[in-house]
Protein backbone atom coordinates (compact mmCIF):
# COMPACT_ATOMS: atom_id res chain seq x y z
CA MET A 1 -52.60 96.25 72.05
CA ALA A 2 -49.42 95.29 73.78
CA GLU A 3 -50.46 91.69 73.79
CA GLU A 4 -51.27 91.90 70.10
CA ALA A 5 -47.86 93.37 69.31
CA SER A 6 -46.21 90.69 71.40
CA ALA A 7 -48.07 88.02 69.45
CA ARG A 8 -46.90 89.45 66.13
CA ARG A 9 -43.30 89.47 67.22
CA ARG A 10 -43.38 85.84 68.34
CA LYS A 11 -41.65 83.64 65.78
CA PRO A 12 -42.99 80.22 64.91
CA GLU A 13 -41.01 77.36 66.35
CA PRO A 14 -38.84 75.54 63.78
CA LYS A 15 -39.90 72.04 62.77
CA THR A 16 -37.69 69.27 64.00
CA THR A 17 -36.48 66.48 61.59
CA LYS A 18 -37.01 62.90 62.45
CA SER A 19 -33.95 60.89 63.19
CA ALA A 20 -33.38 57.20 63.29
CA GLU A 21 -33.08 57.41 67.05
CA SER A 22 -36.36 59.32 67.54
CA ASP A 23 -38.38 56.99 65.24
CA PRO A 24 -37.06 53.46 65.43
CA ALA A 25 -40.30 52.04 64.08
CA GLU A 26 -39.82 53.88 60.80
CA SER A 27 -36.24 52.55 60.50
CA GLN A 28 -37.46 49.00 60.97
CA ASP A 29 -39.90 49.34 58.07
CA GLU A 30 -37.00 49.56 55.57
CA THR A 31 -36.63 46.16 53.69
CA PRO A 32 -33.29 44.34 53.08
CA GLU A 33 -33.80 44.71 49.37
CA GLN A 34 -33.97 48.45 49.72
CA ALA A 35 -30.96 48.52 51.97
CA ALA A 36 -28.70 46.31 49.80
CA PRO A 37 -26.68 48.09 47.09
CA LYS A 38 -27.72 47.52 43.51
CA LYS A 39 -25.67 44.98 41.49
CA SER A 40 -23.80 46.24 38.49
CA LYS A 41 -25.16 45.06 35.13
CA LYS A 42 -21.63 44.94 33.68
CA LYS A 43 -20.47 41.30 33.00
CA SER A 44 -17.33 40.03 34.57
CA ALA A 45 -14.38 38.76 32.53
CA GLN A 46 -15.25 35.15 33.43
CA ASP A 47 -18.84 35.61 32.22
CA ARG A 48 -17.62 36.98 28.90
CA LEU A 49 -15.18 34.06 28.56
CA ASP A 50 -17.96 31.54 29.23
CA ASP A 51 -20.12 33.21 26.56
CA ASP A 52 -17.26 33.03 24.04
CA ASN A 53 -16.70 29.33 24.78
CA ASP A 54 -20.38 28.59 24.32
CA SER A 55 -20.38 30.41 20.97
CA SER A 56 -17.25 28.58 19.76
CA SER A 57 -18.64 25.19 20.76
CA SER A 58 -21.88 25.91 18.97
CA TYR A 59 -19.99 27.04 15.83
CA PHE A 60 -17.81 23.92 15.65
CA LEU A 61 -20.77 21.65 16.34
CA ASP A 62 -22.77 23.23 13.53
CA THR A 63 -19.78 22.96 11.17
CA PHE A 64 -19.29 19.31 12.06
CA ARG A 65 -22.94 18.57 11.38
CA VAL A 66 -22.80 20.23 7.97
CA LEU A 67 -19.60 18.41 6.95
CA THR A 68 -20.97 15.08 8.16
CA PHE A 69 -24.12 15.58 6.13
CA LEU A 70 -22.11 16.43 2.99
CA VAL A 71 -19.85 13.38 3.36
CA LEU A 72 -22.76 11.04 3.92
CA ALA A 73 -24.64 12.55 0.98
CA TYR A 74 -21.59 12.11 -1.29
CA VAL A 75 -21.04 8.52 -0.16
CA GLY A 76 -24.69 7.67 -0.68
CA LEU A 77 -24.86 9.22 -4.15
CA SER A 78 -21.61 7.53 -5.18
CA TYR A 79 -22.97 4.18 -4.09
CA LEU A 80 -26.15 4.68 -6.10
CA VAL A 81 -24.46 6.04 -9.22
CA SER A 82 -21.86 3.25 -9.29
CA SER A 83 -24.48 0.56 -8.62
CA GLY A 84 -22.81 -0.39 -5.37
CA GLU A 85 -19.24 -0.64 -6.69
CA THR A 86 -17.66 2.28 -4.84
CA TYR A 87 -18.34 4.97 -2.25
CA SER A 88 -16.10 7.51 -4.01
CA TYR A 89 -17.44 7.82 -7.54
CA GLY A 90 -15.50 10.24 -9.74
CA ILE A 91 -12.12 9.89 -7.98
CA ALA A 92 -9.44 8.57 -10.34
CA ASP A 93 -7.58 6.62 -7.65
CA PRO A 94 -9.91 6.17 -4.68
CA SER A 95 -8.62 4.84 -1.37
CA LYS A 96 -9.13 1.15 -0.70
CA TYR A 97 -11.29 2.12 2.29
CA THR A 98 -13.91 3.49 -0.12
CA LYS A 99 -14.25 0.24 -2.05
CA LEU A 100 -17.10 -2.11 -1.24
CA ASP A 101 -15.04 -5.19 -2.11
CA TRP A 102 -12.36 -4.18 0.38
CA TRP A 103 -14.87 -4.06 3.22
CA LYS A 104 -16.28 -7.42 2.18
CA LYS A 105 -12.81 -8.94 2.37
CA GLN A 106 -12.35 -7.65 5.92
CA PHE A 107 -15.26 -9.81 7.05
CA THR A 108 -14.75 -12.84 4.78
CA GLY A 109 -10.99 -13.13 5.33
CA PRO A 110 -8.31 -14.20 2.81
CA ILE A 111 -9.20 -16.52 -0.06
CA TYR A 112 -7.20 -19.50 -1.27
CA LEU A 113 -6.95 -20.23 -4.99
CA THR A 114 -5.25 -23.00 -6.91
CA PRO A 115 -3.08 -21.93 -9.89
CA ALA A 116 -5.91 -23.01 -12.20
CA GLN A 117 -8.45 -20.88 -10.32
CA LEU A 118 -6.07 -17.92 -10.21
CA ALA A 119 -5.68 -18.11 -14.00
CA THR A 120 -9.35 -17.11 -14.44
CA TYR A 121 -8.58 -13.68 -12.93
CA ASP A 122 -6.23 -12.53 -15.69
CA GLY A 123 -8.49 -9.71 -16.92
CA THR A 124 -10.01 -11.47 -19.91
CA ASP A 125 -13.33 -11.66 -18.06
CA PRO A 126 -14.49 -8.06 -17.49
CA THR A 127 -16.86 -9.16 -14.73
CA LYS A 128 -13.98 -10.39 -12.58
CA PRO A 129 -11.21 -8.47 -10.85
CA ILE A 130 -7.60 -8.85 -11.97
CA TYR A 131 -5.41 -10.82 -9.60
CA LEU A 132 -1.70 -11.50 -9.60
CA ALA A 133 0.44 -13.36 -7.10
CA ILE A 134 4.02 -13.04 -6.01
CA ASN A 135 5.77 -15.54 -3.76
CA GLY A 136 2.42 -17.17 -2.96
CA THR A 137 0.49 -14.01 -2.00
CA ILE A 138 -2.40 -12.76 -4.16
CA TYR A 139 -3.16 -9.08 -4.80
CA ASP A 140 -6.00 -7.30 -6.59
CA VAL A 141 -4.55 -5.03 -9.29
CA SER A 142 -7.85 -4.10 -10.92
CA SER A 143 -7.21 -0.41 -10.24
CA ASN A 144 -4.46 -0.55 -12.88
CA ARG A 145 -6.31 -2.51 -15.57
CA ARG A 146 -4.51 -0.69 -18.40
CA THR A 147 -1.20 -2.13 -17.23
CA TYR A 148 -2.19 -5.58 -15.99
CA GLY A 149 -5.19 -6.23 -18.23
CA PRO A 150 -5.18 -7.66 -21.76
CA GLY A 151 -2.81 -5.69 -23.97
CA GLY A 152 -1.07 -4.09 -20.99
CA SER A 153 2.70 -4.00 -20.58
CA TYR A 154 2.51 -6.39 -17.61
CA GLN A 155 -0.38 -8.56 -18.73
CA TYR A 156 1.77 -11.70 -18.38
CA LEU A 157 1.96 -11.18 -14.63
CA SER A 158 -1.81 -11.39 -14.17
CA GLY A 159 -3.63 -14.59 -13.35
CA CYS A 160 -0.52 -16.37 -12.05
CA ASP A 161 2.36 -16.27 -9.60
CA ALA A 162 5.23 -15.09 -11.78
CA ALA A 163 7.83 -14.60 -9.04
CA ARG A 164 10.56 -15.94 -11.34
CA ALA A 165 9.75 -13.37 -14.03
CA TYR A 166 10.31 -10.50 -11.61
CA ILE A 167 13.94 -11.65 -11.30
CA THR A 168 14.73 -12.69 -14.86
CA GLY A 169 12.63 -10.10 -16.69
CA CYS A 170 11.28 -12.83 -19.00
CA PHE A 171 7.60 -12.10 -18.41
CA ALA A 172 6.18 -14.31 -21.15
CA GLU A 173 8.45 -17.30 -20.48
CA ASP A 174 8.79 -17.31 -16.69
CA ARG A 175 5.19 -17.17 -15.51
CA THR A 176 6.00 -19.41 -12.55
CA PRO A 177 6.98 -19.05 -8.89
CA ASP A 178 9.65 -21.76 -9.25
CA LEU A 179 12.95 -20.04 -8.45
CA ARG A 180 15.18 -23.08 -8.70
CA GLY A 181 18.29 -22.27 -10.68
CA VAL A 182 17.37 -18.62 -11.21
CA GLU A 183 20.52 -17.58 -9.32
CA ASP A 184 22.55 -18.92 -12.24
CA MET A 185 21.88 -15.69 -14.10
CA PHE A 186 24.16 -13.91 -11.62
CA LEU A 187 26.95 -16.50 -11.76
CA PRO A 188 29.98 -15.97 -14.04
CA ILE A 189 30.61 -18.36 -16.92
CA ASP A 190 33.39 -20.90 -16.34
CA ASP A 191 36.43 -20.64 -18.60
CA PRO A 192 38.79 -23.57 -17.82
CA ALA A 193 41.67 -22.04 -19.78
CA VAL A 194 41.58 -18.87 -17.73
CA ASP A 195 40.35 -20.28 -14.41
CA GLY A 196 43.13 -22.84 -14.17
CA LYS A 197 45.70 -20.16 -14.88
CA TYR A 198 44.81 -17.92 -11.97
CA TRP A 199 43.35 -20.26 -9.31
CA SER A 200 44.17 -23.66 -7.96
CA ALA A 201 41.41 -26.26 -7.79
CA ALA A 202 40.85 -25.57 -4.07
CA GLU A 203 40.82 -21.82 -4.60
CA LEU A 204 38.38 -22.15 -7.47
CA ARG A 205 35.98 -24.27 -5.37
CA GLU A 206 36.06 -21.67 -2.60
CA LEU A 207 35.57 -18.87 -5.11
CA LYS A 208 32.53 -20.57 -6.63
CA LYS A 209 30.93 -20.93 -3.18
CA LYS A 210 31.25 -17.19 -2.63
CA GLU A 211 29.91 -16.44 -6.10
CA ARG A 212 26.85 -18.61 -5.55
CA ALA A 213 26.16 -17.07 -2.13
CA GLU A 214 26.33 -13.63 -3.72
CA ALA A 215 24.03 -14.73 -6.56
CA GLU A 216 21.46 -16.10 -4.11
CA ARG A 217 21.60 -12.85 -2.17
CA LYS A 218 20.77 -10.91 -5.33
CA VAL A 219 17.81 -13.18 -6.04
CA HIS A 220 16.53 -12.76 -2.49
CA GLU A 221 16.87 -8.99 -2.57
CA GLY A 222 15.29 -8.72 -6.00
CA LEU A 223 12.26 -10.75 -4.96
CA ALA A 224 11.97 -8.96 -1.61
CA HIS A 225 11.81 -5.63 -3.43
CA TRP A 226 8.76 -6.65 -5.45
CA VAL A 227 7.10 -8.43 -2.54
CA GLY A 228 7.39 -5.21 -0.54
CA PHE A 229 6.17 -3.14 -3.48
CA PHE A 230 2.82 -4.92 -3.67
CA LYS A 231 2.49 -5.34 0.07
CA ASN A 232 2.92 -1.63 0.77
CA SER A 233 1.15 -0.23 -2.28
CA PRO A 234 -2.05 1.70 -1.45
CA LYS A 235 -3.41 0.84 -4.93
CA TYR A 236 -3.32 -2.96 -4.67
CA ASP A 237 -5.31 -4.89 -2.10
CA PHE A 238 -4.29 -8.12 -0.44
CA VAL A 239 -6.63 -10.96 -1.46
CA GLY A 240 -5.26 -14.26 -0.20
CA TYR A 241 -2.84 -17.07 -0.97
CA VAL A 242 -2.07 -19.59 -3.70
CA LYS A 243 -2.65 -23.26 -2.87
CA ARG A 244 0.25 -25.42 -4.07
CA PRO A 245 0.09 -29.16 -4.59
CA GLU A 246 1.86 -31.28 -2.01
CA GLY A 247 5.52 -31.76 -2.79
CA TRP A 248 5.76 -28.63 -4.95
CA PRO A 249 8.09 -27.58 -6.62
CA GLY A 250 9.56 -31.05 -6.78
CA THR A 251 6.49 -32.14 -8.74
CA GLU A 252 7.60 -29.98 -11.69
CA PRO A 253 10.70 -30.27 -13.91
CA ARG A 254 13.57 -27.90 -13.23
CA ARG A 255 13.52 -24.92 -15.56
CA GLN A 256 16.37 -23.59 -17.62
CA LEU A 257 17.31 -19.93 -17.67
CA CYS A 258 15.36 -17.95 -20.23
CA ALA A 259 17.36 -16.67 -23.20
CA ALA A 260 17.51 -13.05 -22.01
CA ALA A 261 18.75 -14.01 -18.54
CA ALA A 262 21.32 -16.46 -19.89
CA LYS A 263 22.61 -13.88 -22.34
CA GLY A 264 23.38 -11.47 -19.54
CA ARG A 265 25.92 -13.77 -17.89
CA LYS A 266 29.62 -12.79 -18.16
CA ARG A 267 32.86 -14.71 -17.88
CA ARG A 268 34.69 -14.88 -14.60
CA VAL A 269 37.00 -11.92 -14.10
CA ALA A 270 40.68 -12.76 -13.61
CA PRO A 271 42.27 -11.09 -10.58
CA GLY A 272 44.09 -7.87 -11.34
CA THR A 273 42.49 -7.39 -14.77
CA GLY A 274 39.69 -5.11 -13.62
CA GLY A 275 37.20 -7.04 -15.75
CA LYS A 276 39.01 -6.41 -19.02
């Protein structure tokens, strides 16, 4: 009985836990993947920036593709509707870069026309462009047919080189590039009774030299203005040059001032009178 009571009082021995030191084999079974800490799924700032750049690039690329398609479609339809005349059908004043003729000229180079050949481009033939020349250079003014075509306010300037008319204003009479004597319109009229009273012969000769130099300057500046106007105009295209006969303008008679230009001349102003 005593042994039985002793057995009942005996407590079971507590279980011992395994440690890494007591069971090295079990510690070695753990894989590196299990031991490494888990990576965070949260994107870094650089990753988000890269994603934004990719999205922006894709957006701009798609936009560029759409715009390119629309431009090409418009150009193609304009070419078909206008029967090959322009790539910008429906625009009142299209750029020269949208005109088929302009591109043709870039490859063919400038043309050279005699005055007789240039005269056929005065707008009377609707199948031809309208050309005018100034100081030997030819321009296409077809974009302003209402002004330079038949019945237009400047129809006399078409089909010729009317450089003289740009100075004198006599469009119908001075359809020529011959500028000889045109400076006379800026010279004062001689008045022997007055001139001899205020200047000696030597002084008058020197005065006339200065007056002529000033008149020639006005002619040069007036012509340069219109030359620059056509050269720099986005509406009028350069075409080529006028072929002149050898020895020109000496091969033609010297022209007189047109009536309007001659009428504008004034008498020489006496010193101290203030033009009165």
